Amino acid sequence: MLEITEFVAILSVTLFTGAAIYVNLAEHPARMACGTELAATEWVQSYKRATRMQVPLAVISTLTALVSWRLTEHILWFVGACLIFAVIPFTLVAIRPTNELLLHTKRDRASTETRALLDRWGKPHAVRSILSLLASSVLLIAILRIN
């Protein structure tokens, strides 16, 4: 049981991390280079798909890291669980208001306001990448130190 929960925790947190970093380093800069209207159009589709992938990954990695902590009593599992969980409330507080503005159906996707929203969106998303990278690092250290 322990090996499975540790594996799932590390797999899900590293998948989340890879996706988050990819968005910051590749996808968002590429979409921003395509002009505001196209960037906003692509962002909406990307956001919808990413949400369906990243929310379950964050929840699964949090829960399995917590189970690993309970089974091992090793604090690093708890710390990693807290770090990956932190992306959820951070997203709701710091990113969701911008998301809702960008998702508004009557938004002029070519406007300077839309461009500013897209620029603003990338910065807090980088915080998600950093939090998940820290979580991945802590959980990898946990598995290497315990086993």
Protein backbone atom coordinates (compact mmCIF):
# COMPACT_ATOMS: atom_id res chain seq x y z
CA MET A 1 0.00 0.00 0.00
CA LEU A 2 2.72 2.50 0.96
CA GLU A 3 4.70 2.02 -2.25
CA ILE A 4 1.60 2.61 -4.34
CA THR A 5 0.63 5.82 -2.54
CA GLU A 6 4.20 7.13 -2.72
CA PHE A 7 4.37 6.33 -6.43
CA VAL A 8 1.02 7.99 -7.16
CA ALA A 9 1.95 11.05 -5.07
CA ILE A 10 5.22 11.54 -6.91
CA LEU A 11 3.78 10.75 -10.34
CA SER A 12 0.86 13.14 -9.96
CA VAL A 13 2.89 15.99 -8.44
CA THR A 14 5.60 15.75 -11.10
CA LEU A 15 3.01 15.61 -13.90
CA PHE A 16 1.39 18.73 -12.44
CA THR A 17 4.79 20.42 -12.17
CA GLY A 18 5.79 19.55 -15.71
CA ALA A 19 2.54 20.88 -17.11
CA ALA A 20 2.72 24.09 -15.07
CA ILE A 21 6.32 24.80 -16.05
CA TYR A 22 5.57 24.00 -19.71
CA VAL A 23 2.79 26.58 -19.68
CA ASN A 24 5.08 29.26 -18.26
CA LEU A 25 8.14 28.54 -20.39
CA ALA A 26 6.59 27.46 -23.69
CA GLU A 27 2.84 27.71 -24.16
CA HIS A 28 2.04 31.14 -22.71
CA PRO A 29 5.00 32.93 -24.36
CA ALA A 30 4.13 31.26 -27.67
CA ARG A 31 0.47 32.25 -27.47
CA MET A 32 1.41 35.82 -26.53
CA ALA A 33 3.62 36.03 -29.65
CA CYS A 34 0.61 35.30 -31.87
CA GLY A 35 -1.26 38.54 -31.25
CA THR A 36 -3.84 39.34 -28.62
CA GLU A 37 -6.97 38.00 -30.30
CA LEU A 38 -5.44 34.64 -31.17
CA ALA A 39 -3.73 34.43 -27.77
CA ALA A 40 -7.02 35.03 -25.96
CA THR A 41 -8.86 32.53 -28.13
CA GLU A 42 -6.21 29.87 -27.55
CA TRP A 43 -6.04 30.69 -23.81
CA VAL A 44 -9.75 29.91 -23.34
CA GLN A 45 -9.40 26.46 -24.93
CA SER A 46 -6.14 25.72 -23.12
CA TYR A 47 -7.58 26.83 -19.78
CA LYS A 48 -10.58 24.52 -20.08
CA ARG A 49 -8.43 21.50 -20.92
CA ALA A 50 -5.73 22.27 -18.35
CA THR A 51 -8.30 22.64 -15.57
CA ARG A 52 -9.65 19.14 -16.27
CA MET A 53 -6.10 17.80 -15.96
CA GLN A 54 -4.48 19.89 -13.25
CA VAL A 55 -7.23 19.96 -10.62
CA PRO A 56 -7.32 16.15 -10.30
CA LEU A 57 -3.51 16.00 -10.28
CA ALA A 58 -3.29 18.55 -7.45
CA VAL A 59 -5.97 16.77 -5.42
CA ILE A 60 -4.57 13.28 -6.01
CA SER A 61 -1.02 14.31 -5.18
CA THR A 62 -2.17 16.10 -2.03
CA LEU A 63 -4.22 13.14 -0.80
CA THR A 64 -1.62 10.48 -1.60
CA ALA A 65 1.17 12.54 -0.04
CA LEU A 66 -0.97 12.89 3.10
CA VAL A 67 -1.58 9.13 3.15
CA SER A 68 2.17 8.56 2.72
CA TRP A 69 2.80 10.92 5.63
CA ARG A 70 0.31 9.05 7.83
CA LEU A 71 1.87 5.71 6.94
CA THR A 72 5.50 6.80 7.36
CA GLU A 73 5.17 9.66 9.86
CA HIS A 74 7.88 11.41 7.85
CA ILE A 75 7.31 15.18 7.86
CA LEU A 76 8.54 15.69 4.28
CA TRP A 77 5.41 13.96 2.95
CA PHE A 78 3.28 16.43 4.91
CA VAL A 79 5.32 19.42 3.71
CA GLY A 80 5.06 18.25 0.10
CA ALA A 81 1.31 17.73 0.48
CA CYS A 82 0.93 21.26 1.85
CA LEU A 83 2.98 22.78 -0.97
CA ILE A 84 1.01 21.13 -3.77
CA PHE A 85 -2.27 21.78 -1.98
CA ALA A 86 -1.31 25.48 -1.76
CA VAL A 87 -1.75 25.83 -5.52
CA ILE A 88 -5.50 25.29 -5.09
CA PRO A 89 -6.34 28.22 -2.78
CA PHE A 90 -3.67 30.34 -4.49
CA THR A 91 -5.37 29.72 -7.83
CA LEU A 92 -8.79 30.56 -6.42
CA VAL A 93 -7.61 33.79 -4.79
CA ALA A 94 -4.87 35.10 -7.10
CA ILE A 95 -5.69 33.74 -10.55
CA ARG A 96 -9.40 32.99 -10.71
CA PRO A 97 -10.52 36.65 -10.92
CA THR A 98 -8.35 37.13 -14.02
CA ASN A 99 -9.56 33.80 -15.43
CA GLU A 100 -13.18 34.89 -15.08
CA LEU A 101 -12.49 38.16 -16.90
CA LEU A 102 -10.73 36.32 -19.71
CA LEU A 103 -13.52 33.76 -19.96
CA HIS A 104 -16.28 36.37 -20.24
CA THR A 105 -18.10 35.61 -23.49
CA LYS A 106 -18.57 39.27 -24.46
CA ARG A 107 -14.88 40.11 -24.03
CA ASP A 108 -13.20 41.87 -26.95
CA ARG A 109 -10.37 39.39 -27.46
CA ALA A 110 -8.34 41.87 -29.48
CA SER A 111 -8.44 44.69 -26.92
CA THR A 112 -5.53 46.15 -24.99
CA GLU A 113 -7.38 45.22 -21.78
CA THR A 114 -7.39 41.58 -22.86
CA ARG A 115 -3.67 41.81 -23.60
CA ALA A 116 -3.06 43.25 -20.14
CA LEU A 117 -5.11 40.45 -18.55
CA LEU A 118 -3.12 37.81 -20.42
CA ASP A 119 0.15 39.46 -19.35
CA ARG A 120 -1.07 39.63 -15.76
CA TRP A 121 -2.21 35.98 -15.82
CA GLY A 122 1.29 34.64 -16.55
CA LYS A 123 2.88 36.03 -13.39
CA PRO A 124 0.74 34.31 -10.75
CA HIS A 125 0.78 31.17 -12.85
CA ALA A 126 4.55 31.17 -12.37
CA VAL A 127 3.91 31.02 -8.60
CA ARG A 128 1.94 27.81 -9.21
CA SER A 129 4.92 26.44 -11.12
CA ILE A 130 7.29 27.31 -8.28
CA LEU A 131 5.00 25.84 -5.59
CA SER A 132 4.60 22.61 -7.53
CA LEU A 133 8.34 22.40 -8.25
CA LEU A 134 9.02 22.78 -4.53
CA ALA A 135 6.41 20.11 -3.77
CA SER A 136 7.95 17.75 -6.32
CA SER A 137 11.41 18.33 -4.91
CA VAL A 138 10.30 17.74 -1.32
CA LEU A 139 8.43 14.54 -2.21
CA LEU A 140 11.37 13.21 -4.22
CA ILE A 141 13.67 13.93 -1.29
CA ALA A 142 11.17 12.18 0.99
CA ILE A 143 11.18 9.00 -1.07
CA LEU A 144 14.96 9.01 -1.40
CA ARG A 145 15.55 9.62 2.31
CA ILE A 146 13.02 7.06 3.49
CA ASN A 147 13.91 4.21 1.14
